[in-house]
Amino acid sequence: MNLLQLKENFESTLLRGDSAKTVKKAVAYCNGCQTARKYDTAIICLNKLLINVEKDKTLRAVVLTALGTAYWEKAQLKKALEQFETALLLFKEMDDKAGKAAILSIVAITYWRKCAWDQALEILEDALNQKSDREERFASLYGAFDRGISTLQNRIRLGRELEQPLKILQPLFSSTAIHLITGNMVELKRCLDESEALAKETGQTDILNAILGVSKLAAKVL
């Protein structure tokens, strides 16, 4: 479904006044916007929608998650984390395991990007312990992970073309956290094995230690 169709579906549902269906269509539309890199469009849409769901904790938490994800993909991490923090409090209050898992996953990836691997692994373990499946109401968040993997694969490809081990290692190792979250064990093992070889070749001791942490966590929770 193209972006125009997603927008029409959202707007027609909005007019009917069904808040739950409106949020579902809004998340799908904003996921489409973010795929097209129209982050501001998604942010404006979700900020307006927040007003409509102010009194519904469940829907508000979902909209905050989507809004945080839009900021996250726009690289406005401070604003993203503010939305995630509020959403997580609501999900904890409702004991919504899928909601907690979604938020903890993307927060963990945020720390992973900052090379704060020990902190990221602690959060990842908490996320994976929720034992939750990927749900449609978090389509834009998991869509962000898919887009992140695609970007990292392009960077890995470029590193291979340049024949520069570090330019291969950095995006390759970055992708392991997403593979762990999504349960893609085949890709996780492949990335960890190659990352270990490249880290030894380039003397990246900190990455070698983090690889051990990822391997232990995967064996423990999956």
C-alpha atoms as a PDB file:
ATOM      1  CA  MET A   1       0.000   0.000   0.000  1.00  0.00           C
ATOM      2  CA  ASN A   2       1.461   3.360  -1.016  1.00  0.00           C
ATOM      3  CA  LEU A   3       1.768   6.415   1.206  1.00  0.00           C
ATOM      4  CA  LEU A   4      -1.241   8.190  -0.286  1.00  0.00           C
ATOM      5  CA  GLN A   5      -3.472   5.188   0.401  1.00  0.00           C
ATOM      6  CA  LEU A   6      -2.151   4.934   3.964  1.00  0.00           C
ATOM      7  CA  LYS A   7      -2.930   8.617   4.492  1.00  0.00           C
ATOM      8  CA  GLU A   8      -6.457   8.261   3.089  1.00  0.00           C
ATOM      9  CA  ASN A   9      -7.116   5.230   5.303  1.00  0.00           C
ATOM     10  CA  PHE A  10      -5.952   7.143   8.364  1.00  0.00           C
ATOM     11  CA  GLU A  11      -7.981  10.281   7.579  1.00  0.00           C
ATOM     12  CA  SER A  12     -11.181   8.381   6.798  1.00  0.00           C
ATOM     13  CA  THR A  13     -10.891   6.414  10.058  1.00  0.00           C
ATOM     14  CA  LEU A  14     -10.214   9.633  11.971  1.00  0.00           C
ATOM     15  CA  LEU A  15     -13.502  11.090  10.744  1.00  0.00           C
ATOM     16  CA  ARG A  16     -15.432   8.077  12.042  1.00  0.00           C
ATOM     17  CA  GLY A  17     -14.244   8.732  15.596  1.00  0.00           C
ATOM     18  CA  ASP A  18     -13.025   5.226  16.439  1.00  0.00           C
ATOM     19  CA  SER A  19      -9.922   5.976  18.505  1.00  0.00           C
ATOM     20  CA  ALA A  20      -8.470   2.437  18.515  1.00  0.00           C
ATOM     21  CA  LYS A  21      -8.774   2.037  14.739  1.00  0.00           C
ATOM     22  CA  THR A  22      -7.503   5.573  14.205  1.00  0.00           C
ATOM     23  CA  VAL A  23      -4.337   4.879  16.180  1.00  0.00           C
ATOM     24  CA  LYS A  24      -3.775   1.647  14.247  1.00  0.00           C
ATOM     25  CA  LYS A  25      -4.116   3.452  10.904  1.00  0.00           C
ATOM     26  CA  ALA A  26      -1.977   6.363  12.143  1.00  0.00           C
ATOM     27  CA  VAL A  27       0.881   4.038  13.106  1.00  0.00           C
ATOM     28  CA  ALA A  28       0.721   2.387   9.665  1.00  0.00           C
ATOM     29  CA  TYR A  29       0.651   5.786   7.940  1.00  0.00           C
ATOM     30  CA  CYS A  30       3.559   7.123  10.016  1.00  0.00           C
ATOM     31  CA  ASN A  31       5.553   3.960   9.330  1.00  0.00           C
ATOM     32  CA  GLY A  32       5.059   4.729   5.630  1.00  0.00           C
ATOM     33  CA  CYS A  33       6.132   8.333   6.195  1.00  0.00           C
ATOM     34  CA  GLN A  34       9.286   7.215   7.955  1.00  0.00           C
ATOM     35  CA  THR A  35      10.070   4.742   5.187  1.00  0.00           C
ATOM     36  CA  ALA A  36       9.923   7.747   2.824  1.00  0.00           C
ATOM     37  CA  ARG A  37      12.037   9.787   5.300  1.00  0.00           C
ATOM     38  CA  LYS A  38       9.149  12.163   5.956  1.00  0.00           C
ATOM     39  CA  TYR A  39       9.828  12.251   9.668  1.00  0.00           C
ATOM     40  CA  ASP A  40       8.329  15.677  10.319  1.00  0.00           C
ATOM     41  CA  THR A  41       5.046  14.588   8.715  1.00  0.00           C
ATOM     42  CA  ALA A  42       4.881  11.617  11.068  1.00  0.00           C
ATOM     43  CA  ILE A  43       5.768  13.756  14.094  1.00  0.00           C
ATOM     44  CA  ILE A  44       3.080  16.354  13.326  1.00  0.00           C
ATOM     45  CA  CYS A  45       0.467  13.631  12.804  1.00  0.00           C
ATOM     46  CA  LEU A  46       1.286  11.841  16.059  1.00  0.00           C
ATOM     47  CA  ASN A  47       1.486  15.008  18.158  1.00  0.00           C
ATOM     48  CA  LYS A  48      -2.028  15.936  17.023  1.00  0.00           C
ATOM     49  CA  LEU A  49      -3.275  12.432  17.729  1.00  0.00           C
ATOM     50  CA  LEU A  50      -1.883  12.522  21.277  1.00  0.00           C
ATOM     51  CA  ILE A  51      -4.517  15.125  22.176  1.00  0.00           C
ATOM     52  CA  ASN A  52      -7.312  12.775  21.064  1.00  0.00           C
ATOM     53  CA  VAL A  53      -6.096   9.839  23.168  1.00  0.00           C
ATOM     54  CA  GLU A  54      -5.071  11.758  26.291  1.00  0.00           C
ATOM     55  CA  LYS A  55      -7.536   9.873  28.534  1.00  0.00           C
ATOM     56  CA  ASP A  56      -6.838   6.376  27.158  1.00  0.00           C
ATOM     57  CA  LYS A  57      -3.622   5.016  28.690  1.00  0.00           C
ATOM     58  CA  THR A  58      -3.318   2.104  26.280  1.00  0.00           C
ATOM     59  CA  LEU A  59      -3.670   4.185  23.124  1.00  0.00           C
ATOM     60  CA  ARG A  60      -1.601   7.042  24.529  1.00  0.00           C
ATOM     61  CA  ALA A  61       1.282   4.672  25.213  1.00  0.00           C
ATOM     62  CA  VAL A  62       1.135   3.330  21.652  1.00  0.00           C
ATOM     63  CA  VAL A  63       1.106   6.835  20.159  1.00  0.00           C
ATOM     64  CA  LEU A  64       4.000   7.913  22.388  1.00  0.00           C
ATOM     65  CA  THR A  65       5.960   4.870  21.224  1.00  0.00           C
ATOM     66  CA  ALA A  66       5.334   5.760  17.580  1.00  0.00           C
ATOM     67  CA  LEU A  67       6.194   9.413  18.219  1.00  0.00           C
ATOM     68  CA  GLY A  68       9.418   8.448  19.967  1.00  0.00           C
ATOM     69  CA  THR A  69      10.298   6.196  17.044  1.00  0.00           C
ATOM     70  CA  ALA A  70       9.783   9.057  14.567  1.00  0.00           C
ATOM     71  CA  TYR A  71      12.113  11.272  16.608  1.00  0.00           C
ATOM     72  CA  TRP A  72      14.544   8.348  16.911  1.00  0.00           C
ATOM     73  CA  GLU A  73      14.759   7.854  13.149  1.00  0.00           C
ATOM     74  CA  LYS A  74      15.202  11.603  12.755  1.00  0.00           C
ATOM     75  CA  ALA A  75      18.200  11.262  15.131  1.00  0.00           C
ATOM     76  CA  GLN A  76      16.596  13.486  17.790  1.00  0.00           C
ATOM     77  CA  LEU A  77      17.457  11.015  20.521  1.00  0.00           C
ATOM     78  CA  LYS A  78      16.753  13.262  23.513  1.00  0.00           C
ATOM     79  CA  LYS A  79      13.170  13.854  22.356  1.00  0.00           C
ATOM     80  CA  ALA A  80      12.815  10.187  21.463  1.00  0.00           C
ATOM     81  CA  LEU A  81      13.887   9.020  24.907  1.00  0.00           C
ATOM     82  CA  GLU A  82      11.444  11.438  26.566  1.00  0.00           C
ATOM     83  CA  GLN A  83       8.533   9.804  24.699  1.00  0.00           C
ATOM     84  CA  PHE A  84       9.843   6.313  25.406  1.00  0.00           C
ATOM     85  CA  GLU A  85      10.207   7.038  29.118  1.00  0.00           C
ATOM     86  CA  THR A  86       6.582   8.159  29.420  1.00  0.00           C
ATOM     87  CA  ALA A  87       5.329   5.249  27.323  1.00  0.00           C
ATOM     88  CA  LEU A  88       7.297   2.734  29.384  1.00  0.00           C
ATOM     89  CA  LEU A  89       5.775   4.039  32.612  1.00  0.00           C
ATOM     90  CA  LEU A  90       2.306   3.535  31.130  1.00  0.00           C
ATOM     91  CA  PHE A  91       3.114   0.037  29.853  1.00  0.00           C
ATOM     92  CA  LYS A  92       4.501  -0.920  33.266  1.00  0.00           C
ATOM     93  CA  GLU A  93       1.393   0.421  34.952  1.00  0.00           C
ATOM     94  CA  MET A  94      -0.754  -1.772  32.708  1.00  0.00           C
ATOM     95  CA  ASP A  95       1.702  -4.707  32.822  1.00  0.00           C
ATOM     96  CA  ASP A  96       1.751  -4.690  29.018  1.00  0.00           C
ATOM     97  CA  LYS A  97       4.605  -7.076  28.203  1.00  0.00           C
ATOM     98  CA  ALA A  98       4.609  -6.387  24.461  1.00  0.00           C
ATOM     99  CA  GLY A  99       4.713  -2.665  25.127  1.00  0.00           C
ATOM    100  CA  LYS A 100       7.544  -2.995  27.618  1.00  0.00           C
ATOM    101  CA  ALA A 101       9.486  -5.231  25.222  1.00  0.00           C
ATOM    102  CA  ALA A 102       9.107  -2.751  22.350  1.00  0.00           C
ATOM    103  CA  ILE A 103      10.284   0.244  24.371  1.00  0.00           C
ATOM    104  CA  LEU A 104      13.142  -1.578  26.081  1.00  0.00           C
ATOM    105  CA  SER A 105      14.314  -2.914  22.719  1.00  0.00           C
ATOM    106  CA  ILE A 106      14.620   0.469  21.062  1.00  0.00           C
ATOM    107  CA  VAL A 107      16.185   2.052  24.156  1.00  0.00           C
ATOM    108  CA  ALA A 108      18.751  -0.767  24.176  1.00  0.00           C
ATOM    109  CA  ILE A 109      19.544  -0.117  20.513  1.00  0.00           C
ATOM    110  CA  THR A 110      20.023   3.561  21.381  1.00  0.00           C
ATOM    111  CA  TYR A 111      22.687   2.684  23.943  1.00  0.00           C
ATOM    112  CA  TRP A 112      24.182   0.158  21.524  1.00  0.00           C
ATOM    113  CA  ARG A 113      24.645   2.944  18.974  1.00  0.00           C
ATOM    114  CA  LYS A 114      26.521   4.921  21.629  1.00  0.00           C
ATOM    115  CA  CYS A 115      28.838   1.922  22.228  1.00  0.00           C
ATOM    116  CA  ALA A 116      27.510   1.638  25.803  1.00  0.00           C
ATOM    117  CA  TRP A 117      27.363  -2.113  25.327  1.00  0.00           C
ATOM    118  CA  ASP A 118      27.148  -3.282  28.941  1.00  0.00           C
ATOM    119  CA  GLN A 119      24.192  -0.999  29.638  1.00  0.00           C
ATOM    120  CA  ALA A 120      22.562  -1.979  26.348  1.00  0.00           C
ATOM    121  CA  LEU A 121      22.914  -5.686  27.141  1.00  0.00           C
ATOM    122  CA  GLU A 122      21.220  -5.252  30.521  1.00  0.00           C
ATOM    123  CA  ILE A 123      18.254  -3.535  28.859  1.00  0.00           C
ATOM    124  CA  LEU A 124      18.187  -6.111  26.059  1.00  0.00           C
ATOM    125  CA  GLU A 125      17.956  -8.920  28.581  1.00  0.00           C
ATOM    126  CA  ASP A 126      15.023  -7.195  30.240  1.00  0.00           C
ATOM    127  CA  ALA A 127      13.342  -6.765  26.844  1.00  0.00           C
ATOM    128  CA  LEU A 128      13.852 -10.382  25.802  1.00  0.00           C
ATOM    129  CA  ASN A 129      12.634 -11.657  29.166  1.00  0.00           C
ATOM    130  CA  GLN A 130       9.211 -10.169  28.383  1.00  0.00           C
ATOM    131  CA  LYS A 131       8.783 -13.122  25.962  1.00  0.00           C
ATOM    132  CA  SER A 132       6.647 -11.020  23.652  1.00  0.00           C
ATOM    133  CA  ASP A 133       5.887 -11.346  19.950  1.00  0.00           C
ATOM    134  CA  ARG A 134       6.157  -8.534  17.420  1.00  0.00           C
ATOM    135  CA  GLU A 135       2.770  -6.734  17.370  1.00  0.00           C
ATOM    136  CA  GLU A 136       1.155  -4.645  14.622  1.00  0.00           C
ATOM    137  CA  ARG A 137       0.517  -1.692  16.948  1.00  0.00           C
ATOM    138  CA  PHE A 138       4.294  -1.182  17.043  1.00  0.00           C
ATOM    139  CA  ALA A 139       4.695  -1.390  13.271  1.00  0.00           C
ATOM    140  CA  SER A 140       6.702   1.817  12.983  1.00  0.00           C
ATOM    141  CA  LEU A 141       9.136   0.762  15.735  1.00  0.00           C
ATOM    142  CA  TYR A 142       9.842  -2.616  14.205  1.00  0.00           C
ATOM    143  CA  GLY A 143       9.836  -0.956  10.800  1.00  0.00           C
ATOM    144  CA  ALA A 144      12.626   1.285  12.098  1.00  0.00           C
ATOM    145  CA  PHE A 145      14.614  -1.831  12.995  1.00  0.00           C
ATOM    146  CA  ASP A 146      14.110  -3.217   9.475  1.00  0.00           C
ATOM    147  CA  ARG A 147      15.227   0.073   7.957  1.00  0.00           C
ATOM    148  CA  GLY A 148      18.188   0.149  10.329  1.00  0.00           C
ATOM    149  CA  ILE A 149      19.322  -3.295   9.187  1.00  0.00           C
ATOM    150  CA  SER A 150      19.036  -2.207   5.550  1.00  0.00           C
ATOM    151  CA  THR A 151      21.195   0.861   6.222  1.00  0.00           C
ATOM    152  CA  LEU A 152      23.789  -1.209   8.063  1.00  0.00           C
ATOM    153  CA  GLN A 153      23.904  -3.752   5.239  1.00  0.00           C
ATOM    154  CA  ASN A 154      24.665  -0.952   2.797  1.00  0.00           C
ATOM    155  CA  ARG A 155      27.494   0.256   5.027  1.00  0.00           C
ATOM    156  CA  ILE A 156      28.871  -3.285   5.295  1.00  0.00           C
ATOM    157  CA  ARG A 157      28.761  -3.594   1.509  1.00  0.00           C
ATOM    158  CA  LEU A 158      30.658  -0.325   1.152  1.00  0.00           C
ATOM    159  CA  GLY A 159      33.264  -1.487   3.658  1.00  0.00           C
ATOM    160  CA  ARG A 160      33.794  -4.674   1.667  1.00  0.00           C
ATOM    161  CA  GLU A 161      34.180  -2.716  -1.565  1.00  0.00           C
ATOM    162  CA  LEU A 162      36.788  -0.487   0.104  1.00  0.00           C
ATOM    163  CA  GLU A 163      38.437  -3.554   1.664  1.00  0.00           C
ATOM    164  CA  GLN A 164      38.655  -1.766   5.018  1.00  0.00           C
ATOM    165  CA  PRO A 165      38.133  -4.154   7.980  1.00  0.00           C
ATOM    166  CA  LEU A 166      37.031  -1.454  10.438  1.00  0.00           C
ATOM    167  CA  LYS A 167      34.428  -0.086   8.024  1.00  0.00           C
ATOM    168  CA  ILE A 168      33.041  -3.634   7.787  1.00  0.00           C
ATOM    169  CA  LEU A 169      33.274  -4.377  11.497  1.00  0.00           C
ATOM    170  CA  GLN A 170      31.460  -1.307  12.827  1.00  0.00           C
ATOM    171  CA  PRO A 171      28.128  -1.751  10.986  1.00  0.00           C
ATOM    172  CA  LEU A 172      28.403  -5.545  11.131  1.00  0.00           C
ATOM    173  CA  PHE A 173      28.666  -5.564  14.906  1.00  0.00           C
ATOM    174  CA  SER A 174      26.005  -2.858  15.210  1.00  0.00           C
ATOM    175  CA  SER A 175      23.547  -5.158  13.457  1.00  0.00           C
ATOM    176  CA  THR A 176      23.929  -7.933  16.050  1.00  0.00           C
ATOM    177  CA  ALA A 177      21.699  -6.201  18.606  1.00  0.00           C
ATOM    178  CA  ILE A 178      18.820  -5.923  16.124  1.00  0.00           C
ATOM    179  CA  HIS A 179      19.229  -9.557  15.072  1.00  0.00           C
ATOM    180  CA  LEU A 180      19.132 -10.536  18.747  1.00  0.00           C
ATOM    181  CA  ILE A 181      15.935  -8.557  19.344  1.00  0.00           C
ATOM    182  CA  THR A 182      14.189  -9.925  16.269  1.00  0.00           C
ATOM    183  CA  GLY A 183      15.293 -13.495  16.996  1.00  0.00           C
ATOM    184  CA  ASN A 184      17.182 -13.901  13.725  1.00  0.00           C
ATOM    185  CA  MET A 185      19.640 -16.416  15.112  1.00  0.00           C
ATOM    186  CA  VAL A 186      21.150 -17.428  11.761  1.00  0.00           C
ATOM    187  CA  GLU A 187      22.173 -13.845  10.957  1.00  0.00           C
ATOM    188  CA  LEU A 188      23.167 -13.203  14.550  1.00  0.00           C
ATOM    189  CA  LYS A 189      25.637 -16.112  14.546  1.00  0.00           C
ATOM    190  CA  ARG A 190      27.020 -15.151  11.140  1.00  0.00           C
ATOM    191  CA  CYS A 191      27.539 -11.528  12.202  1.00  0.00           C
ATOM    192  CA  LEU A 192      29.087 -12.488  15.542  1.00  0.00           C
ATOM    193  CA  ASP A 193      31.526 -14.937  13.932  1.00  0.00           C
ATOM    194  CA  GLU A 194      32.719 -12.431  11.331  1.00  0.00           C
ATOM    195  CA  SER A 195      32.761  -9.576  13.864  1.00  0.00           C
ATOM    196  CA  GLU A 196      34.973 -11.650  16.163  1.00  0.00           C
ATOM    197  CA  ALA A 197      37.441 -12.376  13.361  1.00  0.00           C
ATOM    198  CA  LEU A 198      37.566  -8.719  12.296  1.00  0.00           C
ATOM    199  CA  ALA A 199      37.842  -7.472  15.900  1.00  0.00           C
ATOM    200  CA  LYS A 200      40.849  -9.748  16.475  1.00  0.00           C
ATOM    201  CA  GLU A 201      42.401  -8.596  13.195  1.00  0.00           C
ATOM    202  CA  THR A 202      41.989  -4.910  14.076  1.00  0.00           C
ATOM    203  CA  GLY A 203      42.688  -5.173  17.815  1.00  0.00           C
ATOM    204  CA  GLN A 204      39.221  -4.053  18.970  1.00  0.00           C
ATOM    205  CA  THR A 205      39.280  -5.512  22.486  1.00  0.00           C
ATOM    206  CA  ASP A 206      36.147  -3.684  23.617  1.00  0.00           C
ATOM    207  CA  ILE A 207      34.149  -5.200  20.769  1.00  0.00           C
ATOM    208  CA  LEU A 208      35.532  -8.662  21.548  1.00  0.00           C
ATOM    209  CA  ASN A 209      34.274  -8.293  25.125  1.00  0.00           C
ATOM    210  CA  ALA A 210      30.870  -7.122  23.890  1.00  0.00           C
ATOM    211  CA  ILE A 211      30.662 -10.071  21.479  1.00  0.00           C
ATOM    212  CA  LEU A 212      31.102 -12.398  24.429  1.00  0.00           C
ATOM    213  CA  GLY A 213      28.279 -10.579  26.219  1.00  0.00           C
ATOM    214  CA  VAL A 214      25.942 -10.914  23.237  1.00  0.00           C
ATOM    215  CA  SER A 215      26.713 -14.614  22.871  1.00  0.00           C
ATOM    216  CA  LYS A 216      26.050 -15.278  26.560  1.00  0.00           C
ATOM    217  CA  LEU A 217      22.781 -13.331  26.459  1.00  0.00           C
ATOM    218  CA  ALA A 218      21.579 -15.141  23.336  1.00  0.00           C
ATOM    219  CA  ALA A 219      22.304 -18.521  24.924  1.00  0.00           C
ATOM    220  CA  LYS A 220      20.556 -17.477  28.127  1.00  0.00           C
ATOM    221  CA  VAL A 221      17.291 -16.017  26.852  1.00  0.00           C
ATOM    222  CA  LEU A 222      16.638 -17.526  23.408  1.00  0.00           C
END
